[in-house]
Amino acid sequence: MGFFLAVAAVGLTMMFYSFERLSLVQLAHTLGQGEGDGRAPGTVQAALFVGLALLNVSALFALNRWAHFLREFPKTSQAPVWFLVALLLFGGATMVWALATHSGWLRTLDEVPLSVSWGYIGFQVVAALLVLIPLVLLGARWSPGYKRESKPTS
């Protein structure tokens, strides 16, 4: 599971870097700063696609692995649903708060920086993981396709 978490973190980092780079280039172009047509290089768009693919594949395999583990060991204690939902809501709220704060900060600057803030990217990755981890745990618990019917033993 740690491997899937690491792959998801790399995918999220690639995605948030690409989103941030694309938005900075577009904002600078809209405000008349810099040169060019307001398009980021194709490598940024490729990184967005690869990051999205890594995230989706790692989430799928983590969901399958956790569901398989729960089928093998049905007595495994799990976090309460209320805790997972609270963690999910907290992660989502922090992502929205960070995006709003960062956007407001960018609007106050005289010149838009074209370099990405890695601290902001890291914060967004951690907040997104606080959303994705409970989703995987809840998905394996509630999805009927991942549960095996217990057969009576004779």
Protein backbone atom coordinates (compact mmCIF):
# COMPACT_ATOMS: atom_id res chain seq x y z
CA MET A 1 0.00 0.00 0.00
CA GLY A 2 2.93 2.33 0.65
CA PHE A 3 4.03 1.95 -2.96
CA PHE A 4 0.60 2.98 -4.22
CA LEU A 5 0.62 5.96 -1.84
CA ALA A 6 4.01 7.05 -3.20
CA VAL A 7 2.84 6.67 -6.82
CA ALA A 8 -0.31 8.67 -6.02
CA ALA A 9 1.80 11.40 -4.40
CA VAL A 10 4.03 11.59 -7.49
CA GLY A 11 0.96 11.73 -9.75
CA LEU A 12 -0.63 14.45 -7.64
CA THR A 13 2.60 16.43 -7.65
CA MET A 14 2.78 16.25 -11.43
CA MET A 15 -0.88 17.27 -11.72
CA PHE A 16 -0.71 20.20 -9.32
CA TYR A 17 2.57 21.41 -10.82
CA SER A 18 0.99 21.36 -14.27
CA PHE A 19 -2.19 23.09 -13.10
CA GLU A 20 -0.17 25.79 -11.33
CA ARG A 21 2.19 26.34 -14.25
CA LEU A 22 -0.69 26.53 -16.74
CA SER A 23 -2.61 28.99 -14.57
CA LEU A 24 0.44 31.21 -13.97
CA VAL A 25 1.25 31.40 -17.67
CA GLN A 26 -2.38 32.14 -18.54
CA LEU A 27 -2.73 34.78 -15.81
CA ALA A 28 0.49 36.50 -16.90
CA HIS A 29 -0.74 36.53 -20.49
CA THR A 30 -4.17 37.87 -19.47
CA LEU A 31 -2.56 40.70 -17.50
CA GLY A 32 -0.28 41.54 -20.42
CA GLN A 33 2.93 40.39 -18.77
CA GLY A 34 5.56 38.29 -20.44
CA GLU A 35 5.81 37.24 -24.03
CA GLY A 36 4.14 34.63 -26.12
CA ASP A 37 0.60 33.48 -26.64
CA GLY A 38 -0.17 32.40 -23.07
CA ARG A 39 0.37 28.71 -23.69
CA ALA A 40 2.60 26.57 -21.53
CA PRO A 41 5.00 24.13 -23.18
CA GLY A 42 3.67 20.76 -24.28
CA THR A 43 5.73 19.06 -21.59
CA VAL A 44 3.53 20.68 -18.94
CA GLN A 45 0.42 19.27 -20.59
CA ALA A 46 2.11 15.87 -20.93
CA ALA A 47 3.02 15.96 -17.23
CA LEU A 48 -0.62 16.69 -16.41
CA PHE A 49 -1.76 13.65 -18.39
CA VAL A 50 0.90 11.34 -16.94
CA GLY A 51 0.17 12.55 -13.41
CA LEU A 52 -3.53 11.91 -13.86
CA ALA A 53 -2.82 8.43 -15.22
CA LEU A 54 -0.48 7.62 -12.30
CA LEU A 55 -3.06 8.83 -9.80
CA ASN A 56 -5.90 6.82 -11.32
CA VAL A 57 -3.88 3.61 -11.69
CA SER A 58 -2.52 3.83 -8.14
CA ALA A 59 -5.99 4.51 -6.69
CA LEU A 60 -7.45 1.56 -8.60
CA PHE A 61 -4.74 -0.84 -7.48
CA ALA A 62 -4.87 0.44 -3.89
CA LEU A 63 -8.64 -0.09 -3.85
CA ASN A 64 -8.27 -3.60 -5.25
CA ARG A 65 -5.46 -4.48 -2.84
CA TRP A 66 -7.29 -3.18 0.23
CA ALA A 67 -10.52 -4.93 -0.78
CA HIS A 68 -8.59 -8.18 -1.32
CA PHE A 69 -7.01 -7.80 2.12
CA LEU A 70 -10.42 -7.22 3.70
CA ARG A 71 -11.78 -10.33 1.99
CA GLU A 72 -8.90 -12.43 3.31
CA PHE A 73 -9.10 -11.00 6.81
CA PRO A 74 -12.72 -9.95 7.39
CA LYS A 75 -12.17 -9.32 11.11
CA THR A 76 -9.69 -6.50 10.39
CA SER A 77 -10.57 -3.45 12.45
CA GLN A 78 -11.12 -0.35 10.35
CA ALA A 79 -11.38 3.33 11.08
CA PRO A 80 -14.91 4.47 11.89
CA VAL A 81 -16.90 5.90 9.00
CA TRP A 82 -17.44 9.20 10.79
CA PHE A 83 -13.67 9.65 11.11
CA LEU A 84 -13.03 8.89 7.43
CA VAL A 85 -15.79 11.27 6.33
CA ALA A 86 -14.44 13.98 8.66
CA LEU A 87 -10.94 13.48 7.26
CA LEU A 88 -12.30 13.67 3.72
CA LEU A 89 -14.19 16.90 4.46
CA PHE A 90 -11.18 18.43 6.21
CA GLY A 91 -8.91 17.63 3.26
CA GLY A 92 -11.42 19.05 0.78
CA ALA A 93 -11.90 22.22 2.81
CA THR A 94 -8.16 22.79 3.09
CA MET A 95 -7.75 22.35 -0.67
CA VAL A 96 -10.46 24.94 -1.39
CA TRP A 97 -9.06 27.31 1.25
CA ALA A 98 -5.51 27.01 -0.14
CA LEU A 99 -6.69 27.60 -3.70
CA ALA A 100 -8.70 30.69 -2.71
CA THR A 101 -5.87 32.12 -0.61
CA HIS A 102 -3.27 31.48 -3.31
CA SER A 103 -5.46 33.00 -6.03
CA GLY A 104 -6.10 36.07 -3.91
CA TRP A 105 -2.39 36.45 -3.25
CA LEU A 106 -1.60 36.22 -6.97
CA ARG A 107 -4.12 38.97 -7.74
CA THR A 108 -2.37 41.35 -5.31
CA LEU A 109 1.03 41.03 -7.00
CA ASP A 110 2.25 43.65 -9.45
CA GLU A 111 3.91 41.01 -11.59
CA VAL A 112 2.86 37.37 -11.76
CA PRO A 113 5.74 34.98 -11.03
CA LEU A 114 6.14 32.28 -13.65
CA SER A 115 7.95 29.96 -11.24
CA VAL A 116 5.88 27.47 -9.31
CA SER A 117 5.84 27.55 -5.51
CA TRP A 118 6.79 24.03 -4.41
CA GLY A 119 5.52 24.66 -0.89
CA TYR A 120 2.06 25.34 -2.29
CA ILE A 121 2.26 22.22 -4.46
CA GLY A 122 3.30 20.13 -1.45
CA PHE A 123 0.43 21.49 0.64
CA GLN A 124 -2.07 20.69 -2.11
CA VAL A 125 -0.67 17.15 -2.47
CA VAL A 126 -1.02 16.48 1.27
CA ALA A 127 -4.55 17.91 1.31
CA ALA A 128 -5.52 15.82 -1.74
CA LEU A 129 -4.13 12.69 -0.08
CA LEU A 130 -6.33 13.48 2.93
CA VAL A 131 -9.24 13.21 0.51
CA LEU A 132 -8.08 10.20 -1.51
CA ILE A 133 -7.04 7.88 1.32
CA PRO A 134 -10.47 7.93 3.02
CA LEU A 135 -12.13 7.52 -0.38
CA VAL A 136 -10.16 4.33 -1.03
CA LEU A 137 -10.90 2.99 2.45
CA LEU A 138 -14.60 3.81 2.18
CA GLY A 139 -14.80 2.52 -1.38
CA ALA A 140 -13.42 -0.88 -0.42
CA ARG A 141 -15.80 -1.04 2.51
CA TRP A 142 -18.99 -0.03 0.70
CA SER A 143 -18.60 -1.16 -2.90
CA PRO A 144 -20.56 -4.36 -3.49
CA GLY A 145 -18.22 -5.42 -6.30
CA TYR A 146 -15.29 -5.60 -3.90
CA LYS A 147 -17.02 -7.68 -1.25
CA ARG A 148 -17.22 -11.42 -1.43
CA GLU A 149 -20.31 -13.10 -0.13
CA SER A 150 -19.46 -15.34 2.78
CA LYS A 151 -20.28 -18.91 2.02
CA PRO A 152 -21.58 -21.09 4.80
CA THR A 153 -19.14 -23.77 5.80
CA SER A 154 -20.43 -27.31 5.94
